[in-house]
Amino acid sequence: MTPQSLDKSIERRAYRVSEFCAAYGVSRSTVYKLQAKGKLRTVLIAGRRLIPVEAAEALLNGGAK
């Protein structure tokens, strides 16, 4: 299996902040404001802020869950 085919078979579990901004059409400052208000759950792993897919979908469905 080549690295390219591996990438296609792996399901996305989280977004980087920049990926989330591009996918959901919001700014970085909006992401951090939503996080501070408790409306968007994020996790910090090895110094990198990630947004779990479930948290992104919960935001679309009316708030954090």
PDB file of N, CA and C in Angstrom:
ATOM      1  N   MET A   1       0.846  -1.181   0.000  1.00  0.00           N
ATOM      2  CA  MET A   1       0.000   0.000   0.000  1.00  0.00           C
ATOM      3  C   MET A   1       0.890   1.242   0.000  1.00  0.00           C
ATOM      4  N   THR A   2       0.615   2.173  -0.887  1.00  0.00           N
ATOM      5  CA  THR A   2       1.412   3.396  -0.975  1.00  0.00           C
ATOM      6  C   THR A   2       0.927   4.419   0.050  1.00  0.00           C
ATOM      7  N   PRO A   3       1.769   5.386   0.413  1.00  0.00           N
ATOM      8  CA  PRO A   3       1.333   6.428   1.364  1.00  0.00           C
ATOM      9  C   PRO A   3       0.088   7.167   0.889  1.00  0.00           C
ATOM     10  N   GLN A   4      -0.042   7.390  -0.423  1.00  0.00           N
ATOM     11  CA  GLN A   4      -1.211   8.099  -0.941  1.00  0.00           C
ATOM     12  C   GLN A   4      -2.484   7.306  -0.704  1.00  0.00           C
ATOM     13  N   SER A   5      -2.433   5.985  -0.906  1.00  0.00           N
ATOM     14  CA  SER A   5      -3.637   5.182  -0.699  1.00  0.00           C
ATOM     15  C   SER A   5      -3.955   5.055   0.782  1.00  0.00           C
ATOM     16  N   LEU A   6      -2.933   5.095   1.639  1.00  0.00           N
ATOM     17  CA  LEU A   6      -3.179   5.088   3.079  1.00  0.00           C
ATOM     18  C   LEU A   6      -3.936   6.333   3.496  1.00  0.00           C
ATOM     19  N   ASP A   7      -3.547   7.489   2.964  1.00  0.00           N
ATOM     20  CA  ASP A   7      -4.199   8.748   3.305  1.00  0.00           C
ATOM     21  C   ASP A   7      -5.687   8.710   2.988  1.00  0.00           C
ATOM     22  N   LYS A   8      -6.077   8.093   1.895  1.00  0.00           N
ATOM     23  CA  LYS A   8      -7.476   8.031   1.495  1.00  0.00           C
ATOM     24  C   LYS A   8      -8.287   7.091   2.368  1.00  0.00           C
ATOM     25  N   SER A   9      -7.630   6.100   2.977  1.00  0.00           N
ATOM     26  CA  SER A   9      -8.361   5.126   3.780  1.00  0.00           C
ATOM     27  C   SER A   9      -8.473   5.533   5.245  1.00  0.00           C
ATOM     28  N   ILE A  10      -7.750   6.559   5.647  1.00  0.00           N
ATOM     29  CA  ILE A  10      -7.787   7.005   7.041  1.00  0.00           C
ATOM     30  C   ILE A  10      -8.881   8.053   7.202  1.00  0.00           C
ATOM     31  N   GLU A  11      -9.771   7.791   8.141  1.00  0.00           N
ATOM     32  CA  GLU A  11     -10.876   8.722   8.405  1.00  0.00           C
ATOM     33  C   GLU A  11     -10.373   9.893   9.246  1.00  0.00           C
ATOM     34  N   ARG A  12     -10.774  11.094   8.867  1.00  0.00           N
ATOM     35  CA  ARG A  12     -10.389  12.291   9.616  1.00  0.00           C
ATOM     36  C   ARG A  12     -11.024  12.242  11.004  1.00  0.00           C
ATOM     37  N   ARG A  13     -10.203  12.493  12.032  1.00  0.00           N
ATOM     38  CA  ARG A  13     -10.689  12.505  13.406  1.00  0.00           C
ATOM     39  C   ARG A  13     -10.673  13.909  13.995  1.00  0.00           C
ATOM     40  N   ALA A  14      -9.835  14.801  13.426  1.00  0.00           N
ATOM     41  CA  ALA A  14      -9.730  16.162  13.950  1.00  0.00           C
ATOM     42  C   ALA A  14      -9.195  17.084  12.865  1.00  0.00           C
ATOM     43  N   TYR A  15      -9.475  18.373  13.043  1.00  0.00           N
ATOM     44  CA  TYR A  15      -8.986  19.413  12.152  1.00  0.00           C
ATOM     45  C   TYR A  15      -7.925  20.237  12.852  1.00  0.00           C
ATOM     46  N   ARG A  16      -6.916  20.687  12.124  1.00  0.00           N
ATOM     47  CA  ARG A  16      -6.049  21.751  12.615  1.00  0.00           C
ATOM     48  C   ARG A  16      -6.894  23.015  12.532  1.00  0.00           C
ATOM     49  N   VAL A  17      -6.529  24.038  13.279  1.00  0.00           N
ATOM     50  CA  VAL A  17      -7.320  25.270  13.291  1.00  0.00           C
ATOM     51  C   VAL A  17      -7.439  25.837  11.874  1.00  0.00           C
ATOM     52  N   SER A  18      -6.356  25.864  11.132  1.00  0.00           N
ATOM     53  CA  SER A  18      -6.402  26.421   9.769  1.00  0.00           C
ATOM     54  C   SER A  18      -7.304  25.593   8.860  1.00  0.00           C
ATOM     55  N   GLU A  19      -7.302  24.269   9.016  1.00  0.00           N
ATOM     56  CA  GLU A  19      -8.168  23.406   8.216  1.00  0.00           C
ATOM     57  C   GLU A  19      -9.634  23.634   8.573  1.00  0.00           C
ATOM     58  N   PHE A  20      -9.897  23.769   9.867  1.00  0.00           N
ATOM     59  CA  PHE A  20     -11.260  24.028  10.324  1.00  0.00           C
ATOM     60  C   PHE A  20     -11.763  25.351   9.765  1.00  0.00           C
ATOM     61  N   CYS A  21     -10.920  26.379   9.818  1.00  0.00           N
ATOM     62  CA  CYS A  21     -11.302  27.702   9.303  1.00  0.00           C
ATOM     63  C   CYS A  21     -11.675  27.617   7.824  1.00  0.00           C
ATOM     64  N   ALA A  22     -10.875  26.919   7.045  1.00  0.00           N
ATOM     65  CA  ALA A  22     -11.146  26.787   5.614  1.00  0.00           C
ATOM     66  C   ALA A  22     -12.407  25.967   5.355  1.00  0.00           C
ATOM     67  N   ALA A  23     -12.590  24.883   6.086  1.00  0.00           N
ATOM     68  CA  ALA A  23     -13.732  23.995   5.869  1.00  0.00           C
ATOM     69  C   ALA A  23     -15.054  24.609   6.316  1.00  0.00           C
ATOM     70  N   TYR A  24     -15.020  25.402   7.390  1.00  0.00           N
ATOM     71  CA  TYR A  24     -16.257  25.927   7.970  1.00  0.00           C
ATOM     72  C   TYR A  24     -16.455  27.421   7.712  1.00  0.00           C
ATOM     73  N   GLY A  25     -15.504  28.053   7.033  1.00  0.00           N
ATOM     74  CA  GLY A  25     -15.665  29.451   6.642  1.00  0.00           C
ATOM     75  C   GLY A  25     -15.664  30.440   7.786  1.00  0.00           C
ATOM     76  N   VAL A  26     -14.810  30.192   8.776  1.00  0.00           N
ATOM     77  CA  VAL A  26     -14.687  31.116   9.908  1.00  0.00           C
ATOM     78  C   VAL A  26     -13.232  31.537  10.057  1.00  0.00           C
ATOM     79  N   SER A  27     -13.015  32.618  10.785  1.00  0.00           N
ATOM     80  CA  SER A  27     -11.653  33.108  11.007  1.00  0.00           C
ATOM     81  C   SER A  27     -11.032  32.438  12.229  1.00  0.00           C
ATOM     82  N   ARG A  28      -9.709  32.544  12.324  1.00  0.00           N
ATOM     83  CA  ARG A  28      -8.999  32.004  13.487  1.00  0.00           C
ATOM     84  C   ARG A  28      -9.499  32.658  14.768  1.00  0.00           C
ATOM     85  N   SER A  29      -9.716  33.975  14.723  1.00  0.00           N
ATOM     86  CA  SER A  29     -10.173  34.664  15.934  1.00  0.00           C
ATOM     87  C   SER A  29     -11.544  34.154  16.364  1.00  0.00           C
ATOM     88  N   THR A  30     -12.397  33.829  15.403  1.00  0.00           N
ATOM     89  CA  THR A  30     -13.711  33.269  15.740  1.00  0.00           C
ATOM     90  C   THR A  30     -13.559  31.914  16.414  1.00  0.00           C
ATOM     91  N   VAL A  31     -12.638  31.101  15.923  1.00  0.00           N
ATOM     92  CA  VAL A  31     -12.392  29.791  16.542  1.00  0.00           C
ATOM     93  C   VAL A  31     -12.006  29.966  18.002  1.00  0.00           C
ATOM     94  N   TYR A  32     -11.072  30.867  18.271  1.00  0.00           N
ATOM     95  CA  TYR A  32     -10.606  31.054  19.641  1.00  0.00           C
ATOM     96  C   TYR A  32     -11.672  31.701  20.530  1.00  0.00           C
ATOM     97  N   LYS A  33     -12.513  32.556  19.963  1.00  0.00           N
ATOM     98  CA  LYS A  33     -13.629  33.134  20.733  1.00  0.00           C
ATOM     99  C   LYS A  33     -14.643  32.050  21.083  1.00  0.00           C
ATOM    100  N   LEU A  34     -14.971  31.190  20.119  1.00  0.00           N
ATOM    101  CA  LEU A  34     -15.901  30.093  20.380  1.00  0.00           C
ATOM    102  C   LEU A  34     -15.350  29.146  21.439  1.00  0.00           C
ATOM    103  N   GLN A  35     -14.055  28.889  21.378  1.00  0.00           N
ATOM    104  CA  GLN A  35     -13.416  28.028  22.370  1.00  0.00           C
ATOM    105  C   GLN A  35     -13.504  28.661  23.754  1.00  0.00           C
ATOM    106  N   ALA A  36     -13.193  29.953  23.854  1.00  0.00           N
ATOM    107  CA  ALA A  36     -13.207  30.652  25.145  1.00  0.00           C
ATOM    108  C   ALA A  36     -14.601  30.676  25.762  1.00  0.00           C
ATOM    109  N   LYS A  37     -15.634  30.740  24.911  1.00  0.00           N
ATOM    110  CA  LYS A  37     -17.013  30.757  25.397  1.00  0.00           C
ATOM    111  C   LYS A  37     -17.548  29.365  25.690  1.00  0.00           C
ATOM    112  N   GLY A  38     -16.746  28.330  25.412  1.00  0.00           N
ATOM    113  CA  GLY A  38     -17.169  26.957  25.662  1.00  0.00           C
ATOM    114  C   GLY A  38     -18.100  26.409  24.593  1.00  0.00           C
ATOM    115  N   LYS A  39     -18.136  27.049  23.436  1.00  0.00           N
ATOM    116  CA  LYS A  39     -19.023  26.599  22.364  1.00  0.00           C
ATOM    117  C   LYS A  39     -18.328  25.687  21.360  1.00  0.00           C
ATOM    118  N   LEU A  40     -17.005  25.608  21.434  1.00  0.00           N
ATOM    119  CA  LEU A  40     -16.237  24.747  20.537  1.00  0.00           C
ATOM    120  C   LEU A  40     -15.151  24.065  21.352  1.00  0.00           C
ATOM    121  N   ARG A  41     -15.237  22.753  21.421  1.00  0.00           N
ATOM    122  CA  ARG A  41     -14.242  21.981  22.173  1.00  0.00           C
ATOM    123  C   ARG A  41     -13.007  21.777  21.307  1.00  0.00           C
ATOM    124  N   THR A  42     -11.866  22.046  21.891  1.00  0.00           N
ATOM    125  CA  THR A  42     -10.591  21.801  21.222  1.00  0.00           C
ATOM    126  C   THR A  42      -9.712  20.989  22.154  1.00  0.00           C
ATOM    127  N   VAL A  43      -8.684  20.389  21.584  1.00  0.00           N
ATOM    128  CA  VAL A  43      -7.708  19.649  22.384  1.00  0.00           C
ATOM    129  C   VAL A  43      -6.322  20.109  21.974  1.00  0.00           C
ATOM    130  N   LEU A  44      -5.408  20.056  22.906  1.00  0.00           N
ATOM    131  CA  LEU A  44      -4.025  20.426  22.642  1.00  0.00           C
ATOM    132  C   LEU A  44      -3.195  19.152  22.709  1.00  0.00           C
ATOM    133  N   ILE A  45      -2.573  18.797  21.594  1.00  0.00           N
ATOM    134  CA  ILE A  45      -1.742  17.599  21.527  1.00  0.00           C
ATOM    135  C   ILE A  45      -0.377  18.009  20.999  1.00  0.00           C
ATOM    136  N   ALA A  46       0.621  17.783  21.810  1.00  0.00           N
ATOM    137  CA  ALA A  46       2.008  18.111  21.446  1.00  0.00           C
ATOM    138  C   ALA A  46       2.134  19.553  20.953  1.00  0.00           C
ATOM    139  N   GLY A  47       1.445  20.457  21.618  1.00  0.00           N
ATOM    140  CA  GLY A  47       1.531  21.867  21.267  1.00  0.00           C
ATOM    141  C   GLY A  47       0.680  22.286  20.085  1.00  0.00           C
ATOM    142  N   ARG A  48      -0.083  21.372  19.527  1.00  0.00           N
ATOM    143  CA  ARG A  48      -0.920  21.694  18.369  1.00  0.00           C
ATOM    144  C   ARG A  48      -2.392  21.653  18.792  1.00  0.00           C
ATOM    145  N   ARG A  49      -3.096  22.738  18.513  1.00  0.00           N
ATOM    146  CA  ARG A  49      -4.520  22.845  18.836  1.00  0.00           C
ATOM    147  C   ARG A  49      -5.310  22.123  17.748  1.00  0.00           C
ATOM    148  N   LEU A  50      -6.148  21.169  18.142  1.00  0.00           N
ATOM    149  CA  LEU A  50      -6.973  20.410  17.208  1.00  0.00           C
ATOM    150  C   LEU A  50      -8.442  20.526  17.584  1.00  0.00           C
ATOM    151  N   ILE A  51      -9.297  20.436  16.591  1.00  0.00           N
ATOM    152  CA  ILE A  51     -10.740  20.473  16.796  1.00  0.00           C
ATOM    153  C   ILE A  51     -11.286  19.119  16.365  1.00  0.00           C
ATOM    154  N   PRO A  52     -11.749  18.307  17.320  1.00  0.00           N
ATOM    155  CA  PRO A  52     -12.309  17.009  16.949  1.00  0.00           C
ATOM    156  C   PRO A  52     -13.500  17.171  16.004  1.00  0.00           C
ATOM    157  N   VAL A  53     -13.646  16.259  15.072  1.00  0.00           N
ATOM    158  CA  VAL A  53     -14.740  16.313  14.104  1.00  0.00           C
ATOM    159  C   VAL A  53     -16.083  16.375  14.835  1.00  0.00           C
ATOM    160  N   GLU A  54     -16.232  15.624  15.919  1.00  0.00           N
ATOM    161  CA  GLU A  54     -17.502  15.629  16.670  1.00  0.00           C
ATOM    162  C   GLU A  54     -17.805  17.017  17.222  1.00  0.00           C
ATOM    163  N   ALA A  55     -16.777  17.733  17.654  1.00  0.00           N
ATOM    164  CA  ALA A  55     -16.966  19.090  18.186  1.00  0.00           C
ATOM    165  C   ALA A  55     -17.389  20.042  17.079  1.00  0.00           C
ATOM    166  N   ALA A  56     -16.805  19.883  15.895  1.00  0.00           N
ATOM    167  CA  ALA A  56     -17.176  20.726  14.756  1.00  0.00           C
ATOM    168  C   ALA A  56     -18.631  20.477  14.372  1.00  0.00           C
ATOM    169  N   GLU A  57     -19.022  19.221  14.331  1.00  0.00           N
ATOM    170  CA  GLU A  57     -20.401  18.883  13.975  1.00  0.00           C
ATOM    171  C   GLU A  57     -21.376  19.354  15.056  1.00  0.00           C
ATOM    172  N   ALA A  58     -20.978  19.255  16.325  1.00  0.00           N
ATOM    173  CA  ALA A  58     -21.834  19.729  17.411  1.00  0.00           C
ATOM    174  C   ALA A  58     -22.070  21.227  17.295  1.00  0.00           C
ATOM    175  N   LEU A  59     -21.044  21.969  16.912  1.00  0.00           N
ATOM    176  CA  LEU A  59     -21.185  23.410  16.717  1.00  0.00           C
ATOM    177  C   LEU A  59     -22.215  23.697  15.625  1.00  0.00           C
ATOM    178  N   LEU A  60     -22.147  22.955  14.541  1.00  0.00           N
ATOM    179  CA  LEU A  60     -23.118  23.140  13.451  1.00  0.00           C
ATOM    180  C   LEU A  60     -24.539  22.808  13.888  1.00  0.00           C
ATOM    181  N   ASN A  61     -24.651  21.886  14.841  1.00  0.00           N
ATOM    182  CA  ASN A  61     -25.967  21.454  15.312  1.00  0.00           C
ATOM    183  C   ASN A  61     -26.460  22.252  16.506  1.00  0.00           C
ATOM    184  N   GLY A  62     -25.880  23.417  16.748  1.00  0.00           N
ATOM    185  CA  GLY A  62     -26.423  24.290  17.766  1.00  0.00           C
ATOM    186  C   GLY A  62     -25.626  24.445  19.040  1.00  0.00           C
ATOM    187  N   GLY A  63     -24.425  23.968  19.092  1.00  0.00           N
ATOM    188  CA  GLY A  63     -23.599  24.199  20.280  1.00  0.00           C
ATOM    189  C   GLY A  63     -22.817  22.978  20.685  1.00  0.00           C
ATOM    190  N   ALA A  64     -21.940  23.183  21.655  1.00  0.00           N
ATOM    191  CA  ALA A  64     -21.067  22.105  22.127  1.00  0.00           C
ATOM    192  C   ALA A  64     -21.854  21.033  22.825  1.00  0.00           C
ATOM    193  N   LYS A  65     -21.379  19.816  22.691  1.00  0.00           N
ATOM    194  CA  LYS A  65     -22.015  18.674  23.357  1.00  0.00           C
ATOM    195  C   LYS A  65     -20.978  17.901  24.121  1.00  0.00           C
TER     196      LYS A  65
END
